[in-house]
Each structure stands twice: as structure tokens, then as C-alpha cells.
Amino acid sequence: MKKITMTLICLVTVMQALNIGDTLSPVTLEKENGATSNDKPWHSTSLKGKVHLILYMDPDKRKESQELLDALKALDANSKDYSTVAIVNLAATWMPDAILEGLLSKKEKELKNTSFVFDRKKYLVKKWKMKDDASNILIVDKNLRIIYRKVGKLSSKEIEKIIALIHQNT
């Protein structure tokens, strides 16, 4: 009976998580939940009309996405059709928010076509069922439909696939 219960719990969890083909539900990060790097509210509906690579990351796991970030620097994609949104799960790290936000705001200036958003209360862990304390990677099309999803460290082949998907959809 225990095994059946655990299996059902796992199945329900997987069914509620974001999957390829799903459309992102609208969310807003503002005030105590989070904000953009310039402390303005962030609305997921602002992503509509453009292909976006969404990185929802625990700052302590940033090395898992470093190769992808390096590849994105060299990406030749039109900024009118594509951008990257790095959503930082501030509640997943021991680092003080103010210091981390300051460091990432500087990093935002270095990374072309990337905006930083801060999730201060693990809001998207709950709303979008993102994996906590991990690197979550999504690509959404112009209609906010998920065309790629990965949790954890990327292989070289997965990075190539992400770059190809961005090119195919822009």
C-alpha cells in the first residue's frame, strides 16, 4: 500500500509540473515575492511575442548552467525575436539578497540580451512547479508555449539542442 501511495504522489507531482507543450501560466513577481533587477514588478505575460530562454536558478548551482551562458554570449540571434530571462531563486541560497542582487545587476550589463528577475520567496517553485535548489531551463515560444525543459546540468549535446531550438523558433 505504501508503494502505491508513493507512486500516486509522484504521478500527481509530475502531472502538475510544467511539461513541453504546456503554456506558462501568468505570474507576477512584485514586492515581497520578487521583482526585476531595477526593482520593478515582473509579469510573465511580458514574454509574449518573443522566444525566451528562461533560467530559473539557485545561485549556488550556477556552475550547472555556465557552459550554456558561455554559448549564449556567442549566439547570433536577433534580439528582437529572442532573449534570455535569468530568474534567480534568492530563497535557495545562504547569500544575502542585497549583495547577490547587486552582483547580478552588474552581470546583467555584461550579458547581452539577458534580463535578471529575482524570486525572493520561491514563488515560481510553487506557481510553475520549478525544482527548488536546482537549475531549471525552459524555452518558451512567442505564445508562451514550452518547447524545451530541463532540470540540472546540461551536456554539450543539450546545449547544442537549445541553441538549435532558439534558431528554429526565431
N, C-alpha and C. Protein backbone atom coordinates (compact mmCIF):
# COMPACT_ATOMS: atom_id res chain seq x y z
N MET A 1 0.82 -1.19 0.00
CA MET A 1 0.00 0.00 0.00
C MET A 1 0.87 1.26 0.00
N LYS A 2 1.99 1.21 0.74
CA LYS A 2 2.90 2.36 0.78
C LYS A 2 3.45 2.67 -0.61
N LYS A 3 3.81 1.63 -1.35
CA LYS A 3 4.38 1.82 -2.68
C LYS A 3 3.34 2.44 -3.62
N ILE A 4 2.11 2.02 -3.51
CA ILE A 4 1.05 2.57 -4.36
C ILE A 4 0.83 4.05 -4.04
N THR A 5 0.80 4.37 -2.76
CA THR A 5 0.61 5.76 -2.34
C THR A 5 1.75 6.63 -2.84
N MET A 6 2.98 6.18 -2.68
CA MET A 6 4.14 6.94 -3.15
C MET A 6 4.10 7.11 -4.67
N THR A 7 3.71 6.08 -5.38
CA THR A 7 3.62 6.15 -6.84
C THR A 7 2.58 7.18 -7.25
N LEU A 8 1.45 7.19 -6.59
CA LEU A 8 0.40 8.17 -6.90
C LEU A 8 0.86 9.59 -6.60
N ILE A 9 1.54 9.79 -5.50
CA ILE A 9 2.05 11.11 -5.16
C ILE A 9 3.04 11.58 -6.23
N CYS A 10 3.94 10.71 -6.64
CA CYS A 10 4.92 11.06 -7.68
C CYS A 10 4.22 11.38 -9.00
N LEU A 11 3.22 10.60 -9.35
CA LEU A 11 2.48 10.80 -10.59
C LEU A 11 1.76 12.15 -10.58
N VAL A 12 1.12 12.48 -9.48
CA VAL A 12 0.42 13.77 -9.37
C VAL A 12 1.42 14.91 -9.46
N THR A 13 2.57 14.78 -8.81
CA THR A 13 3.60 15.82 -8.87
C THR A 13 4.08 16.03 -10.29
N VAL A 14 4.36 14.96 -11.01
CA VAL A 14 4.83 15.05 -12.39
C VAL A 14 3.75 15.68 -13.27
N MET A 15 2.51 15.31 -13.04
CA MET A 15 1.42 15.84 -13.85
C MET A 15 1.24 17.34 -13.63
N GLN A 16 1.56 17.84 -12.47
CA GLN A 16 1.40 19.25 -12.18
C GLN A 16 2.59 20.08 -12.64
N ALA A 17 3.73 19.46 -12.86
CA ALA A 17 4.92 20.19 -13.29
C ALA A 17 4.73 20.69 -14.72
N LEU A 18 5.51 21.69 -15.08
CA LEU A 18 5.49 22.20 -16.44
C LEU A 18 6.07 21.17 -17.37
N ASN A 19 5.41 20.95 -18.49
CA ASN A 19 5.87 19.99 -19.48
C ASN A 19 5.93 20.63 -20.85
N ILE A 20 6.67 20.03 -21.75
CA ILE A 20 6.75 20.52 -23.12
C ILE A 20 5.34 20.50 -23.70
N GLY A 21 4.98 21.60 -24.34
CA GLY A 21 3.65 21.75 -24.92
C GLY A 21 2.70 22.55 -24.04
N ASP A 22 3.00 22.63 -22.74
CA ASP A 22 2.17 23.43 -21.83
C ASP A 22 2.42 24.92 -22.10
N THR A 23 1.46 25.73 -21.73
CA THR A 23 1.61 27.17 -21.79
C THR A 23 1.86 27.68 -20.38
N LEU A 24 2.84 28.58 -20.26
CA LEU A 24 3.13 29.15 -18.94
C LEU A 24 1.91 29.88 -18.40
N SER A 25 1.60 29.61 -17.16
CA SER A 25 0.51 30.36 -16.53
C SER A 25 1.03 31.74 -16.17
N PRO A 26 0.16 32.74 -16.22
CA PRO A 26 0.61 34.10 -15.89
C PRO A 26 0.98 34.23 -14.42
N VAL A 27 2.13 34.85 -14.17
CA VAL A 27 2.57 35.14 -12.80
C VAL A 27 3.16 36.54 -12.77
N THR A 28 3.15 37.11 -11.58
CA THR A 28 3.77 38.41 -11.36
C THR A 28 4.65 38.31 -10.13
N LEU A 29 5.88 38.76 -10.29
CA LEU A 29 6.80 38.87 -9.16
C LEU A 29 6.91 40.34 -8.81
N GLU A 30 6.43 40.68 -7.63
CA GLU A 30 6.49 42.06 -7.17
C GLU A 30 6.53 42.10 -5.65
N LYS A 31 6.99 43.21 -5.15
CA LYS A 31 7.08 43.47 -3.72
C LYS A 31 7.84 42.35 -3.01
N GLU A 32 7.22 41.71 -2.02
CA GLU A 32 7.93 40.70 -1.22
C GLU A 32 8.22 39.42 -2.01
N ASN A 33 7.48 39.16 -3.09
CA ASN A 33 7.73 37.94 -3.88
C ASN A 33 8.94 38.08 -4.78
N GLY A 34 9.22 39.30 -5.23
CA GLY A 34 10.35 39.49 -6.12
C GLY A 34 10.16 40.70 -7.01
N ALA A 35 11.04 40.84 -8.00
CA ALA A 35 10.99 41.98 -8.91
C ALA A 35 12.10 41.85 -9.94
N THR A 36 12.15 42.81 -10.85
CA THR A 36 13.24 42.87 -11.82
C THR A 36 14.49 43.42 -11.11
N SER A 37 15.59 43.45 -11.82
CA SER A 37 16.82 43.95 -11.22
C SER A 37 16.74 45.44 -10.88
N ASN A 38 15.83 46.17 -11.51
CA ASN A 38 15.65 47.59 -11.16
C ASN A 38 14.44 47.78 -10.24
N ASP A 39 14.05 46.70 -9.56
CA ASP A 39 13.02 46.69 -8.52
C ASP A 39 11.61 47.04 -9.02
N LYS A 40 11.35 46.73 -10.28
CA LYS A 40 10.01 46.92 -10.83
C LYS A 40 9.32 45.55 -10.90
N PRO A 41 7.99 45.51 -10.86
CA PRO A 41 7.29 44.23 -10.97
C PRO A 41 7.61 43.53 -12.29
N TRP A 42 7.66 42.22 -12.25
CA TRP A 42 7.88 41.43 -13.46
C TRP A 42 6.65 40.59 -13.73
N HIS A 43 6.16 40.66 -14.96
CA HIS A 43 4.98 39.91 -15.38
C HIS A 43 5.38 38.92 -16.46
N SER A 44 5.04 37.66 -16.26
CA SER A 44 5.39 36.64 -17.26
C SER A 44 4.72 36.92 -18.60
N THR A 45 3.60 37.62 -18.60
CA THR A 45 2.93 37.93 -19.85
C THR A 45 3.78 38.85 -20.74
N SER A 46 4.77 39.51 -20.15
CA SER A 46 5.68 40.36 -20.93
C SER A 46 6.55 39.53 -21.88
N LEU A 47 6.56 38.23 -21.69
CA LEU A 47 7.36 37.35 -22.53
C LEU A 47 6.69 37.05 -23.88
N LYS A 48 5.41 37.33 -23.97
CA LYS A 48 4.65 37.01 -25.17
C LYS A 48 5.19 37.79 -26.38
N GLY A 49 5.21 37.12 -27.52
CA GLY A 49 5.64 37.77 -28.76
C GLY A 49 7.10 37.57 -29.10
N LYS A 50 7.84 36.87 -28.25
CA LYS A 50 9.27 36.68 -28.45
C LYS A 50 9.66 35.31 -27.89
N VAL A 51 10.65 34.67 -28.46
CA VAL A 51 11.18 33.41 -27.91
C VAL A 51 12.07 33.76 -26.73
N HIS A 52 11.89 33.02 -25.64
CA HIS A 52 12.69 33.29 -24.43
C HIS A 52 13.30 32.01 -23.89
N LEU A 53 14.54 32.12 -23.50
CA LEU A 53 15.20 31.10 -22.71
C LEU A 53 15.06 31.56 -21.27
N ILE A 54 14.41 30.75 -20.45
CA ILE A 54 14.21 31.09 -19.05
C ILE A 54 15.11 30.21 -18.21
N LEU A 55 15.95 30.83 -17.43
CA LEU A 55 16.82 30.12 -16.49
C LEU A 55 16.31 30.43 -15.09
N TYR A 56 15.75 29.44 -14.43
CA TYR A 56 15.30 29.62 -13.05
C TYR A 56 16.34 28.92 -12.19
N MET A 57 17.15 29.71 -11.47
CA MET A 57 18.35 29.13 -10.88
C MET A 57 18.51 29.41 -9.40
N ASP A 58 19.02 28.40 -8.73
CA ASP A 58 19.56 28.55 -7.39
C ASP A 58 20.97 29.12 -7.60
N PRO A 59 21.31 30.26 -7.02
CA PRO A 59 22.63 30.85 -7.23
C PRO A 59 23.78 29.90 -6.87
N ASP A 60 23.54 28.98 -5.94
CA ASP A 60 24.58 28.03 -5.56
C ASP A 60 24.81 26.96 -6.62
N LYS A 61 23.92 26.86 -7.60
CA LYS A 61 24.02 25.86 -8.67
C LYS A 61 24.37 26.51 -10.01
N ARG A 62 24.84 27.74 -9.99
CA ARG A 62 25.08 28.48 -11.23
C ARG A 62 26.09 27.81 -12.15
N LYS A 63 27.00 27.04 -11.60
CA LYS A 63 28.00 26.37 -12.44
C LYS A 63 27.37 25.36 -13.38
N GLU A 64 26.19 24.84 -13.00
CA GLU A 64 25.49 23.87 -13.86
C GLU A 64 25.07 24.50 -15.18
N SER A 65 24.93 25.81 -15.22
CA SER A 65 24.48 26.49 -16.44
C SER A 65 25.56 27.34 -17.09
N GLN A 66 26.77 27.31 -16.55
CA GLN A 66 27.83 28.20 -17.04
C GLN A 66 28.17 27.95 -18.51
N GLU A 67 28.27 26.68 -18.93
CA GLU A 67 28.58 26.40 -20.33
C GLU A 67 27.50 26.94 -21.26
N LEU A 68 26.25 26.84 -20.83
CA LEU A 68 25.16 27.39 -21.63
C LEU A 68 25.29 28.90 -21.72
N LEU A 69 25.57 29.57 -20.60
CA LEU A 69 25.72 31.02 -20.61
C LEU A 69 26.87 31.45 -21.52
N ASP A 70 27.95 30.69 -21.50
CA ASP A 70 29.08 30.99 -22.39
C ASP A 70 28.67 30.84 -23.84
N ALA A 71 27.91 29.79 -24.16
CA ALA A 71 27.45 29.57 -25.53
C ALA A 71 26.48 30.67 -25.96
N LEU A 72 25.68 31.15 -25.04
CA LEU A 72 24.71 32.21 -25.37
C LEU A 72 25.39 33.53 -25.69
N LYS A 73 26.55 33.77 -25.08
CA LYS A 73 27.28 35.01 -25.38
C LYS A 73 27.64 35.07 -26.86
N ALA A 74 27.92 33.91 -27.45
CA ALA A 74 28.31 33.85 -28.85
C ALA A 74 27.12 33.64 -29.79
N LEU A 75 25.93 33.48 -29.24
CA LEU A 75 24.74 33.20 -30.04
C LEU A 75 24.42 34.37 -30.95
N ASP A 76 24.23 34.05 -32.22
CA ASP A 76 23.88 35.07 -33.20
C ASP A 76 22.37 35.02 -33.44
N ALA A 77 21.61 35.49 -32.47
CA ALA A 77 20.16 35.53 -32.61
C ALA A 77 19.70 36.98 -32.50
N ASN A 78 18.70 37.30 -33.26
CA ASN A 78 18.18 38.67 -33.28
C ASN A 78 17.50 38.99 -31.96
N SER A 79 17.95 40.06 -31.33
CA SER A 79 17.38 40.43 -30.03
C SER A 79 15.92 40.86 -30.13
N LYS A 80 15.44 41.13 -31.32
CA LYS A 80 14.02 41.46 -31.48
C LYS A 80 13.15 40.20 -31.36
N ASP A 81 13.74 39.05 -31.62
CA ASP A 81 12.98 37.79 -31.63
C ASP A 81 13.31 36.85 -30.47
N TYR A 82 14.38 37.12 -29.75
CA TYR A 82 14.85 36.20 -28.71
C TYR A 82 15.51 36.96 -27.57
N SER A 83 15.33 36.47 -26.35
CA SER A 83 16.10 36.99 -25.21
C SER A 83 16.15 35.92 -24.11
N THR A 84 17.00 36.18 -23.15
CA THR A 84 17.17 35.29 -22.00
C THR A 84 16.66 36.01 -20.76
N VAL A 85 15.92 35.27 -19.93
CA VAL A 85 15.46 35.79 -18.65
C VAL A 85 16.04 34.88 -17.58
N ALA A 86 16.91 35.43 -16.75
CA ALA A 86 17.51 34.69 -15.65
C ALA A 86 16.72 35.03 -14.39
N ILE A 87 15.96 34.07 -13.91
CA ILE A 87 15.17 34.27 -12.69
C ILE A 87 15.93 33.60 -11.56
N VAL A 88 16.35 34.40 -10.61
CA VAL A 88 17.21 33.91 -9.53
C VAL A 88 16.37 33.61 -8.29
N ASN A 89 16.45 32.38 -7.84
CA ASN A 89 15.73 31.91 -6.65
C ASN A 89 16.55 32.34 -5.43
N LEU A 90 16.31 33.57 -4.97
CA LEU A 90 17.09 34.11 -3.86
C LEU A 90 16.90 33.34 -2.56
N ALA A 91 15.75 32.73 -2.39
CA ALA A 91 15.46 31.99 -1.15
C ALA A 91 16.21 30.66 -1.09
N ALA A 92 16.86 30.27 -2.18
CA ALA A 92 17.55 28.98 -2.22
C ALA A 92 19.02 29.08 -1.83
N THR A 93 19.48 30.25 -1.44
CA THR A 93 20.90 30.41 -1.15
C THR A 93 21.12 31.04 0.23
N TRP A 94 22.31 30.86 0.73
CA TRP A 94 22.70 31.44 2.01
C TRP A 94 23.15 32.89 1.84
N MET A 95 23.44 33.30 0.59
CA MET A 95 23.97 34.64 0.34
C MET A 95 22.90 35.70 0.63
N PRO A 96 23.29 36.82 1.23
CA PRO A 96 22.33 37.90 1.47
C PRO A 96 21.77 38.46 0.15
N ASP A 97 20.47 38.70 0.13
CA ASP A 97 19.80 39.17 -1.09
C ASP A 97 20.43 40.43 -1.66
N ALA A 98 20.69 41.41 -0.82
CA ALA A 98 21.20 42.70 -1.29
C ALA A 98 22.54 42.55 -2.02
N ILE A 99 23.42 41.73 -1.48
CA ILE A 99 24.73 41.51 -2.11
C ILE A 99 24.55 40.78 -3.44
N LEU A 100 23.75 39.74 -3.43
CA LEU A 100 23.52 38.95 -4.64
C LEU A 100 22.84 39.79 -5.73
N GLU A 101 21.85 40.56 -5.36
CA GLU A 101 21.16 41.41 -6.33
C GLU A 101 22.12 42.42 -6.94
N GLY A 102 23.01 42.98 -6.13
CA GLY A 102 24.00 43.93 -6.64
C GLY A 102 24.96 43.28 -7.63
N LEU A 103 25.46 42.11 -7.29
CA LEU A 103 26.37 41.39 -8.18
C LEU A 103 25.69 41.03 -9.50
N LEU A 104 24.45 40.56 -9.42
CA LEU A 104 23.75 40.14 -10.63
C LEU A 104 23.33 41.32 -11.49
N SER A 105 23.06 42.44 -10.89
CA SER A 105 22.74 43.65 -11.66
C SER A 105 23.93 44.06 -12.51
N LYS A 106 25.14 43.92 -11.97
CA LYS A 106 26.35 44.21 -12.74
C LYS A 106 26.52 43.19 -13.86
N LYS A 107 26.25 41.93 -13.56
CA LYS A 107 26.36 40.85 -14.55
C LYS A 107 25.39 41.07 -15.70
N GLU A 108 24.23 41.62 -15.40
CA GLU A 108 23.21 41.87 -16.43
C GLU A 108 23.74 42.81 -17.51
N LYS A 109 24.59 43.76 -17.11
CA LYS A 109 25.16 44.70 -18.08
C LYS A 109 26.15 44.00 -19.01
N GLU A 110 26.81 42.96 -18.51
CA GLU A 110 27.78 42.21 -19.31
C GLU A 110 27.10 41.30 -20.32
N LEU A 111 26.00 40.68 -19.92
CA LEU A 111 25.32 39.71 -20.76
C LEU A 111 24.33 40.41 -21.67
N LYS A 112 24.62 40.38 -22.95
CA LYS A 112 23.72 40.99 -23.92
C LYS A 112 22.41 40.22 -23.93
N ASN A 113 21.34 40.95 -24.09
CA ASN A 113 20.04 40.32 -24.32
C ASN A 113 19.55 39.45 -23.17
N THR A 114 20.01 39.75 -21.95
CA THR A 114 19.60 38.98 -20.77
C THR A 114 19.07 39.94 -19.72
N SER A 115 17.94 39.59 -19.15
CA SER A 115 17.42 40.37 -18.03
C SER A 115 17.35 39.48 -16.80
N PHE A 116 17.56 40.09 -15.65
CA PHE A 116 17.53 39.36 -14.39
C PHE A 116 16.27 39.70 -13.61
N VAL A 117 15.69 38.67 -13.03
CA VAL A 117 14.50 38.80 -12.21
C VAL A 117 14.80 38.05 -10.91
N PHE A 118 14.31 38.58 -9.80
CA PHE A 118 14.57 37.96 -8.51
C PHE A 118 13.28 37.39 -7.92
N ASP A 119 13.34 36.11 -7.55
CA ASP A 119 12.24 35.43 -6.87
C ASP A 119 12.68 35.31 -5.41
N ARG A 120 12.11 36.13 -4.56
CA ARG A 120 12.56 36.19 -3.16
C ARG A 120 11.93 35.14 -2.26
N LYS A 121 10.82 34.54 -2.66
CA LYS A 121 10.06 33.64 -1.77
C LYS A 121 9.78 32.27 -2.40
N LYS A 122 10.56 31.86 -3.40
CA LYS A 122 10.33 30.59 -4.10
C LYS A 122 8.93 30.55 -4.71
N TYR A 123 8.48 31.70 -5.14
CA TYR A 123 7.14 31.84 -5.70
C TYR A 123 6.94 30.93 -6.92
N LEU A 124 7.95 30.89 -7.81
CA LEU A 124 7.81 30.07 -9.02
C LEU A 124 8.00 28.59 -8.76
N VAL A 125 8.62 28.25 -7.63
CA VAL A 125 8.68 26.84 -7.23
C VAL A 125 7.25 26.35 -7.02
N LYS A 126 6.43 27.22 -6.44
CA LYS A 126 5.04 26.86 -6.17
C LYS A 126 4.16 27.04 -7.41
N LYS A 127 4.26 28.18 -8.07
CA LYS A 127 3.35 28.50 -9.18
C LYS A 127 3.64 27.74 -10.46
N TRP A 128 4.91 27.60 -10.80
CA TRP A 128 5.27 26.90 -12.03
C TRP A 128 5.85 25.51 -11.76
N LYS A 129 5.88 25.10 -10.51
CA LYS A 129 6.41 23.79 -10.12
C LYS A 129 7.86 23.61 -10.56
N MET A 130 8.64 24.70 -10.42
CA MET A 130 10.07 24.60 -10.71
C MET A 130 10.74 23.80 -9.61
N LYS A 131 11.79 23.10 -9.97
CA LYS A 131 12.52 22.33 -8.97
C LYS A 131 13.33 23.29 -8.11
N ASP A 132 13.18 23.15 -6.81
CA ASP A 132 13.87 24.01 -5.86
C ASP A 132 15.34 23.59 -5.75
N ASP A 133 16.19 24.53 -5.41
CA ASP A 133 17.62 24.27 -5.20
C ASP A 133 18.25 23.61 -6.43
N ALA A 134 17.89 24.09 -7.61
CA ALA A 134 18.40 23.49 -8.85
C ALA A 134 18.41 24.53 -9.96
N SER A 135 18.98 24.14 -11.09
CA SER A 135 18.91 24.94 -12.31
C SER A 135 17.79 24.39 -13.17
N ASN A 136 16.81 25.22 -13.47
CA ASN A 136 15.68 24.86 -14.33
C ASN A 136 15.82 25.66 -15.62
N ILE A 137 15.70 25.00 -16.74
CA ILE A 137 15.87 25.67 -18.02
C ILE A 137 14.61 25.41 -18.87
N LEU A 138 14.03 26.50 -19.34
CA LEU A 138 12.85 26.42 -20.21
C LEU A 138 13.11 27.27 -21.44
N ILE A 139 12.58 26.82 -22.57
CA ILE A 139 12.48 27.68 -23.74
C ILE A 139 10.99 27.78 -24.02
N VAL A 140 10.51 29.02 -24.14
CA VAL A 140 9.11 29.24 -24.49
C VAL A 140 9.04 29.97 -25.82
N ASP A 141 8.04 29.60 -26.61
CA ASP A 141 7.87 30.26 -27.90
C ASP A 141 7.14 31.58 -27.74
N LYS A 142 6.80 32.20 -28.85
CA LYS A 142 6.18 33.52 -28.83
C LYS A 142 4.81 33.54 -28.17
N ASN A 143 4.20 32.37 -28.04
CA ASN A 143 2.88 32.26 -27.40
C ASN A 143 2.97 31.69 -25.98
N LEU A 144 4.18 31.67 -25.42
CA LEU A 144 4.46 31.18 -24.07
C LEU A 144 4.27 29.67 -23.93
N ARG A 145 4.34 28.96 -25.05
CA ARG A 145 4.26 27.50 -25.02
C ARG A 145 5.66 26.95 -24.80
N ILE A 146 5.78 26.01 -23.88
CA ILE A 146 7.08 25.43 -23.55
C ILE A 146 7.52 24.49 -24.66
N ILE A 147 8.72 24.77 -25.21
CA ILE A 147 9.25 23.90 -26.27
C ILE A 147 10.49 23.14 -25.81
N TYR A 148 10.97 23.46 -24.60
CA TYR A 148 12.12 22.73 -24.04
C TYR A 148 12.08 22.89 -22.53
N ARG A 149 12.46 21.81 -21.83
CA ARG A 149 12.53 21.86 -20.37
C ARG A 149 13.62 20.91 -19.90
N LYS A 150 14.42 21.38 -18.97
CA LYS A 150 15.50 20.57 -18.40
C LYS A 150 15.78 21.06 -16.99
N VAL A 151 16.04 20.12 -16.10
CA VAL A 151 16.47 20.45 -14.74
C VAL A 151 17.84 19.83 -14.54
N GLY A 152 18.79 20.62 -14.04
CA GLY A 152 20.12 20.10 -13.74
C GLY A 152 21.16 20.49 -14.77
N LYS A 153 22.31 19.88 -14.64
CA LYS A 153 23.46 20.18 -15.51
C LYS A 153 23.18 19.74 -16.93
N LEU A 154 23.62 20.57 -17.87
CA LEU A 154 23.43 20.29 -19.29
C LEU A 154 24.65 19.61 -19.89
N SER A 155 24.41 18.70 -20.80
CA SER A 155 25.50 18.12 -21.57
C SER A 155 25.78 19.01 -22.78
N SER A 156 26.87 18.76 -23.47
CA SER A 156 27.20 19.54 -24.67
C SER A 156 26.12 19.37 -25.74
N LYS A 157 25.59 18.17 -25.87
CA LYS A 157 24.52 17.91 -26.85
C LYS A 157 23.25 18.69 -26.50
N GLU A 158 22.94 18.78 -25.21
CA GLU A 158 21.76 19.54 -24.79
C GLU A 158 21.93 21.03 -25.07
N ILE A 159 23.14 21.53 -24.88
CA ILE A 159 23.41 22.94 -25.19
C ILE A 159 23.23 23.19 -26.68
N GLU A 160 23.74 22.27 -27.50
CA GLU A 160 23.57 22.38 -28.96
C GLU A 160 22.08 22.37 -29.32
N LYS A 161 21.32 21.51 -28.66
CA LYS A 161 19.88 21.42 -28.92
C LYS A 161 19.19 22.74 -28.56
N ILE A 162 19.56 23.33 -27.44
CA ILE A 162 18.97 24.60 -27.01
C ILE A 162 19.26 25.68 -28.04
N ILE A 163 20.50 25.78 -28.48
CA ILE A 163 20.87 26.78 -29.49
C ILE A 163 20.09 26.55 -30.78
N ALA A 164 19.97 25.29 -31.19
CA ALA A 164 19.22 24.96 -32.42
C ALA A 164 17.74 25.33 -32.27
N LEU A 165 17.15 25.03 -31.13
CA LEU A 165 15.74 25.37 -30.89
C LEU A 165 15.51 26.88 -30.93
N ILE A 166 16.44 27.62 -30.38
CA ILE A 166 16.31 29.08 -30.41
C ILE A 166 16.35 29.57 -31.86
N HIS A 167 17.32 29.04 -32.65
CA HIS A 167 17.42 29.44 -34.05
C HIS A 167 16.17 29.03 -34.83
N GLN A 168 15.66 27.83 -34.60
CA GLN A 168 14.49 27.33 -35.33
C GLN A 168 13.24 28.13 -35.04
N ASN A 169 13.15 28.69 -33.85
CA ASN A 169 11.92 29.37 -33.43
C ASN A 169 11.99 30.89 -33.52
N THR A 170 13.12 31.43 -33.98
CA THR A 170 13.21 32.89 -34.16
C THR A 170 13.19 33.26 -35.61
